[in-house]
Amino acid sequence: MSSHCQYSFADLFEAAFGEKPSKSALEELYSLTQDERNIVVRDWVRRAEWESFDITGTDGVVYASFGPKGSEPCK
């Protein structure tokens, strides 16, 4: 099984929208706060019909981990 950590935002964007993201689309995503980024990521996950799990990093910040259904989340 694959890990959600193996997928990039670009992979998720392509799964959600059927095309590679533009550089500006990714730059816009990176410019968001982590909470805002998690909201966008969860929307893309819904569109891609993937799944997402909240992972708390060692820094105490919550990150939206994502991957195709049935894959294992980051740990």
C-alpha atoms as a PDB file:
ATOM      1  CA  MET A   1       0.000   0.000   0.000  1.00  0.00           C
ATOM      2  CA  SER A   2       1.118   3.540  -0.687  1.00  0.00           C
ATOM      3  CA  SER A   3       1.405   6.338   1.824  1.00  0.00           C
ATOM      4  CA  HIS A   4      -0.422   9.652   1.587  1.00  0.00           C
ATOM      5  CA  CYS A   5       2.972  11.304   2.123  1.00  0.00           C
ATOM      6  CA  GLN A   6       3.990  10.035  -1.308  1.00  0.00           C
ATOM      7  CA  TYR A   7       1.586  12.405  -3.083  1.00  0.00           C
ATOM      8  CA  SER A   8       2.278  16.054  -3.811  1.00  0.00           C
ATOM      9  CA  PHE A   9      -0.115  18.972  -4.059  1.00  0.00           C
ATOM     10  CA  ALA A  10       0.456  18.808  -7.815  1.00  0.00           C
ATOM     11  CA  ASP A  11      -0.625  15.136  -7.849  1.00  0.00           C
ATOM     12  CA  LEU A  12      -3.750  16.000  -5.893  1.00  0.00           C
ATOM     13  CA  PHE A  13      -4.559  18.973  -8.145  1.00  0.00           C
ATOM     14  CA  GLU A  14      -4.234  16.805 -11.253  1.00  0.00           C
ATOM     15  CA  ALA A  15      -6.503  14.135  -9.744  1.00  0.00           C
ATOM     16  CA  ALA A  16      -9.069  16.779  -8.796  1.00  0.00           C
ATOM     17  CA  PHE A  17      -9.064  18.870 -11.980  1.00  0.00           C
ATOM     18  CA  GLY A  18      -7.705  16.564 -14.703  1.00  0.00           C
ATOM     19  CA  GLU A  19      -4.745  18.784 -15.560  1.00  0.00           C
ATOM     20  CA  LYS A  20      -1.392  19.762 -14.139  1.00  0.00           C
ATOM     21  CA  PRO A  21      -1.489  22.841 -11.911  1.00  0.00           C
ATOM     22  CA  SER A  22       0.052  26.083 -13.044  1.00  0.00           C
ATOM     23  CA  LYS A  23       3.010  27.429 -11.124  1.00  0.00           C
ATOM     24  CA  SER A  24       0.823  30.289  -9.881  1.00  0.00           C
ATOM     25  CA  ALA A  25      -1.843  27.878  -8.557  1.00  0.00           C
ATOM     26  CA  LEU A  26       0.746  26.124  -6.409  1.00  0.00           C
ATOM     27  CA  GLU A  27       2.345  29.409  -5.325  1.00  0.00           C
ATOM     28  CA  GLU A  28      -1.079  30.609  -4.215  1.00  0.00           C
ATOM     29  CA  LEU A  29      -1.598  27.425  -2.202  1.00  0.00           C
ATOM     30  CA  TYR A  30       1.825  27.774  -0.545  1.00  0.00           C
ATOM     31  CA  SER A  31       1.080  31.392   0.386  1.00  0.00           C
ATOM     32  CA  LEU A  32      -1.901  30.379   2.553  1.00  0.00           C
ATOM     33  CA  THR A  33      -1.762  29.747   6.271  1.00  0.00           C
ATOM     34  CA  GLN A  34      -1.750  26.072   7.200  1.00  0.00           C
ATOM     35  CA  ASP A  35      -5.400  26.220   8.293  1.00  0.00           C
ATOM     36  CA  GLU A  36      -6.399  27.840   4.984  1.00  0.00           C
ATOM     37  CA  ARG A  37      -4.265  25.365   3.022  1.00  0.00           C
ATOM     38  CA  ASN A  38      -5.952  22.448   4.800  1.00  0.00           C
ATOM     39  CA  ILE A  39      -9.363  23.771   3.713  1.00  0.00           C
ATOM     40  CA  VAL A  40      -8.262  23.972   0.064  1.00  0.00           C
ATOM     41  CA  VAL A  41      -6.611  20.546   0.221  1.00  0.00           C
ATOM     42  CA  ARG A  42      -9.767  18.964   1.665  1.00  0.00           C
ATOM     43  CA  ASP A  43     -11.805  20.502  -1.174  1.00  0.00           C
ATOM     44  CA  TRP A  44      -9.385  19.095  -3.756  1.00  0.00           C
ATOM     45  CA  VAL A  45      -9.513  15.712  -1.992  1.00  0.00           C
ATOM     46  CA  ARG A  46     -13.310  15.731  -2.261  1.00  0.00           C
ATOM     47  CA  ARG A  47     -13.160  16.606  -5.959  1.00  0.00           C
ATOM     48  CA  ALA A  48     -10.542  13.893  -6.626  1.00  0.00           C
ATOM     49  CA  GLU A  49     -12.556  11.358  -4.621  1.00  0.00           C
ATOM     50  CA  TRP A  50      -9.445  10.666  -2.553  1.00  0.00           C
ATOM     51  CA  GLU A  51      -9.319  10.656   1.247  1.00  0.00           C
ATOM     52  CA  SER A  52      -7.708  12.866   3.841  1.00  0.00           C
ATOM     53  CA  PHE A  53      -6.592  12.419   7.420  1.00  0.00           C
ATOM     54  CA  ASP A  54      -5.512  15.075   9.882  1.00  0.00           C
ATOM     55  CA  ILE A  55      -1.956  14.523  11.045  1.00  0.00           C
ATOM     56  CA  THR A  56      -0.427  16.516  13.885  1.00  0.00           C
ATOM     57  CA  GLY A  57       3.209  17.267  13.195  1.00  0.00           C
ATOM     58  CA  THR A  58       5.946  17.327  15.795  1.00  0.00           C
ATOM     59  CA  ASP A  59       5.510  21.106  15.686  1.00  0.00           C
ATOM     60  CA  GLY A  60       1.923  20.723  16.958  1.00  0.00           C
ATOM     61  CA  VAL A  61       0.459  21.946  13.649  1.00  0.00           C
ATOM     62  CA  VAL A  62      -2.360  19.968  11.992  1.00  0.00           C
ATOM     63  CA  TYR A  63      -1.669  18.953   8.394  1.00  0.00           C
ATOM     64  CA  ALA A  64      -4.179  17.450   5.944  1.00  0.00           C
ATOM     65  CA  SER A  65      -2.575  14.227   4.703  1.00  0.00           C
ATOM     66  CA  PHE A  66      -4.078  12.909   1.467  1.00  0.00           C
ATOM     67  CA  GLY A  67      -4.009  10.057  -0.993  1.00  0.00           C
ATOM     68  CA  PRO A  68      -6.191   7.784  -3.099  1.00  0.00           C
ATOM     69  CA  LYS A  69      -8.799   5.795  -1.195  1.00  0.00           C
ATOM     70  CA  GLY A  70      -7.310   2.757   0.489  1.00  0.00           C
ATOM     71  CA  SER A  71      -3.819   4.174   0.863  1.00  0.00           C
ATOM     72  CA  GLU A  72      -2.185   4.501   4.269  1.00  0.00           C
ATOM     73  CA  PRO A  73      -1.879   7.983   5.788  1.00  0.00           C
ATOM     74  CA  CYS A  74       1.388   9.564   6.842  1.00  0.00           C
ATOM     75  CA  LYS A  75       2.373   8.728  10.370  1.00  0.00           C
END
